[in-house]
Protein backbone atom coordinates (compact mmCIF):
# COMPACT_ATOMS: atom_id res chain seq x y z
CA MET A 1 -0.02 -0.06 0.11
CA LEU A 2 1.49 3.53 -1.12
CA ASN A 3 0.95 6.26 1.13
CA HIS A 4 0.30 9.29 -0.88
CA PRO A 5 -0.26 12.61 1.16
CA ILE A 6 -3.54 14.37 0.37
CA GLN A 7 -2.91 17.46 -1.49
CA LYS A 8 -4.52 20.74 -0.54
CA LYS A 9 -6.42 22.21 -3.63
CA SER A 10 -4.63 25.38 -4.58
CA ASN A 11 -6.31 28.64 -5.80
CA VAL A 12 -3.23 29.66 -7.52
CA ARG A 13 -5.05 29.33 -10.75
CA TRP A 14 -7.26 32.51 -9.68
CA VAL A 15 -3.88 34.51 -9.49
CA VAL A 16 -3.08 33.27 -12.93
CA ALA A 17 -6.93 34.37 -14.11
CA PHE A 18 -6.11 37.80 -12.90
CA MET A 19 -2.69 38.17 -14.66
CA MET A 20 -4.79 36.96 -17.85
CA TRP A 21 -7.11 39.74 -17.32
CA ALA A 22 -4.25 42.03 -16.81
CA ALA A 23 -2.53 41.27 -19.87
CA ILE A 24 -5.85 41.75 -21.78
CA ALA A 25 -6.56 45.06 -20.18
CA ILE A 26 -3.03 46.30 -21.08
CA ASN A 27 -3.50 44.97 -24.49
CA TYR A 28 -6.54 46.86 -25.05
CA ILE A 29 -5.02 50.22 -23.29
CA ASP A 30 -2.17 50.01 -25.90
CA ARG A 31 -4.23 49.45 -28.92
CA THR A 32 -7.03 52.17 -27.84
CA VAL A 33 -4.73 55.42 -26.73
CA LEU A 34 -3.68 56.21 -30.32
CA SER A 35 -7.13 57.15 -31.26
CA ALA A 36 -7.21 59.57 -28.34
CA ALA A 37 -4.12 60.99 -29.74
CA ALA A 38 -4.97 61.10 -33.44
CA PRO A 39 -6.04 64.69 -33.63
CA TYR A 40 -2.65 65.58 -32.35
CA ILE A 41 -0.64 63.19 -34.18
CA THR A 42 -2.56 64.17 -37.30
CA GLU A 43 -1.90 67.82 -37.09
CA GLU A 44 1.84 67.26 -35.70
CA PHE A 45 2.86 65.18 -38.86
CA ASN A 46 0.54 66.82 -41.20
CA LEU A 47 -1.33 63.42 -41.96
CA THR A 48 -4.58 63.23 -44.29
CA ALA A 49 -7.49 61.65 -42.70
CA GLY A 50 -7.03 58.84 -45.25
CA GLN A 51 -3.47 58.39 -43.90
CA MET A 52 -4.63 58.16 -40.26
CA GLY A 53 -7.08 55.51 -41.28
CA ILE A 54 -4.68 53.57 -42.91
CA ILE A 55 -2.25 53.93 -39.72
CA MET A 56 -5.33 52.66 -37.53
CA SER A 57 -6.15 49.95 -39.73
CA GLY A 58 -2.48 48.74 -39.95
CA PHE A 59 -2.94 47.28 -36.37
CA PHE A 60 -6.14 45.36 -37.14
CA TRP A 61 -4.91 43.89 -40.18
CA SER A 62 -1.95 42.33 -38.68
CA TYR A 63 -3.74 41.39 -35.42
CA ALA A 64 -6.44 39.59 -37.69
CA LEU A 65 -4.05 37.89 -39.89
CA LEU A 66 -1.71 36.54 -36.99
CA GLN A 67 -4.33 35.27 -34.79
CA LEU A 68 -4.20 31.32 -36.13
CA PRO A 69 -0.36 31.53 -36.26
CA SER A 70 -0.14 32.88 -32.85
CA GLY A 71 -2.44 30.13 -31.67
CA TRP A 72 -0.22 27.60 -33.39
CA ALA A 73 2.84 29.14 -31.69
CA ALA A 74 1.10 28.91 -28.21
CA ASP A 75 0.46 25.13 -28.76
CA LYS A 76 3.79 24.48 -30.10
CA TYR A 77 6.01 26.61 -27.82
CA GLY A 78 3.67 26.97 -24.85
CA GLN A 79 1.19 29.68 -23.73
CA LYS A 80 3.24 31.23 -21.12
CA LYS A 81 6.24 31.59 -23.30
CA THR A 82 4.18 32.98 -26.22
CA LEU A 83 2.13 35.24 -24.16
CA GLY A 84 5.35 36.64 -22.31
CA PHE A 85 7.24 37.10 -25.65
CA ALA A 86 3.93 38.82 -27.15
CA VAL A 87 3.94 41.15 -24.03
CA VAL A 88 7.48 42.10 -24.46
CA TRP A 89 6.97 42.68 -28.19
CA TRP A 90 3.96 44.67 -27.98
CA SER A 91 5.45 46.68 -25.25
CA VAL A 92 8.42 47.72 -27.15
CA ALA A 93 6.23 48.55 -30.12
CA THR A 94 4.17 50.72 -28.10
CA ALA A 95 7.25 52.72 -26.56
CA LEU A 96 8.78 53.02 -29.83
CA THR A 97 5.52 54.87 -31.09
CA GLY A 98 6.80 57.78 -29.42
CA LEU A 99 9.79 58.02 -31.50
CA ALA A 100 7.81 57.80 -34.73
CA ALA A 101 8.47 60.44 -37.27
CA GLY A 102 5.65 60.24 -39.66
CA PHE A 103 3.27 58.22 -41.86
CA LYS A 104 5.62 55.25 -42.71
CA SER A 105 6.98 54.94 -39.08
CA LEU A 106 3.50 55.04 -37.35
CA LEU A 107 2.31 52.33 -39.76
CA GLY A 108 5.12 50.15 -39.21
CA LEU A 109 4.84 50.42 -35.44
CA ARG A 110 0.91 49.77 -35.56
CA VAL A 111 1.54 46.80 -37.38
CA ALA A 112 4.15 45.56 -35.07
CA LEU A 113 1.87 46.28 -32.44
CA GLY A 114 -0.79 44.19 -33.85
CA VAL A 115 1.53 41.38 -34.64
CA GLY A 116 2.50 41.31 -30.71
CA GLU A 117 -1.16 41.51 -29.66
CA ALA A 118 -2.43 38.85 -31.61
CA ALA A 119 -0.99 36.28 -29.21
CA ALA A 120 -2.91 37.27 -26.08
CA TYR A 121 -6.42 35.59 -26.70
CA PRO A 122 -5.00 32.45 -28.16
CA SER A 123 -2.30 32.43 -25.32
CA ASN A 124 -5.00 32.83 -22.83
CA ALA A 125 -7.35 30.32 -24.00
CA GLY A 126 -4.79 27.57 -24.01
CA ILE A 127 -3.80 28.71 -20.40
CA ALA A 128 -7.44 28.46 -19.34
CA ALA A 129 -7.61 25.11 -20.91
CA LYS A 130 -4.61 23.78 -18.75
CA TRP A 131 -4.91 25.60 -15.48
CA PHE A 132 -8.68 25.42 -14.91
CA PRO A 133 -11.08 22.43 -14.81
CA LYS A 134 -13.94 22.43 -17.37
CA LYS A 135 -16.48 23.74 -15.02
CA GLU A 136 -14.48 26.79 -14.52
CA ARG A 137 -13.19 27.55 -18.25
CA ALA A 138 -16.28 29.81 -19.00
CA THR A 139 -15.98 31.93 -15.91
CA VAL A 140 -12.11 32.41 -16.51
CA ALA A 141 -12.80 33.06 -20.03
CA GLY A 142 -15.32 35.90 -18.94
CA ILE A 143 -13.00 37.12 -16.42
CA PHE A 144 -9.92 37.76 -19.05
CA ASP A 145 -12.30 39.12 -21.86
CA SER A 146 -13.54 41.45 -19.32
CA GLY A 147 -10.27 42.80 -19.22
CA SER A 148 -10.87 44.34 -22.77
CA LYS A 149 -13.87 46.09 -21.69
CA PHE A 150 -11.92 47.60 -18.83
CA GLY A 151 -8.96 48.51 -21.07
CA GLY A 152 -11.09 50.16 -23.73
CA ALA A 153 -12.73 52.31 -20.96
CA VAL A 154 -9.90 53.78 -19.16
CA ALA A 155 -7.74 54.15 -22.23
CA MET A 156 -9.78 57.12 -23.39
CA PRO A 157 -9.52 59.23 -20.47
């Protein structure tokens, strides 16, 4: 007969859920703040409304196109590593946006931001599947998705 000590059930997964929420909230703050600054950026760089529209959509094109490859990378290399790399990537892209000098650099940095942020949701979905029992996955998905609403709401003010 083997003596296995009874392991206490851990609640550390809820700390992980909060970290997933924070990643999504920051993700949405980073993508939203440019729209608040757009009138000033348009004036400073003498951009047309069309150019500003292209800059804004550059993010969404790269973000949308890289959702599936990001999910593949998260499955292949691990969700934590992929999400960690993505956070560093989009943080650098966000920081470098302050150094933009005009249309081309702004567009390139917005595309880079979309590349990094594309991994957030696929990575979080994989983390939820690994860290949470089936009966809690919908709850944790709702928790981390609510970060997008929070991020969008606090970014504008």
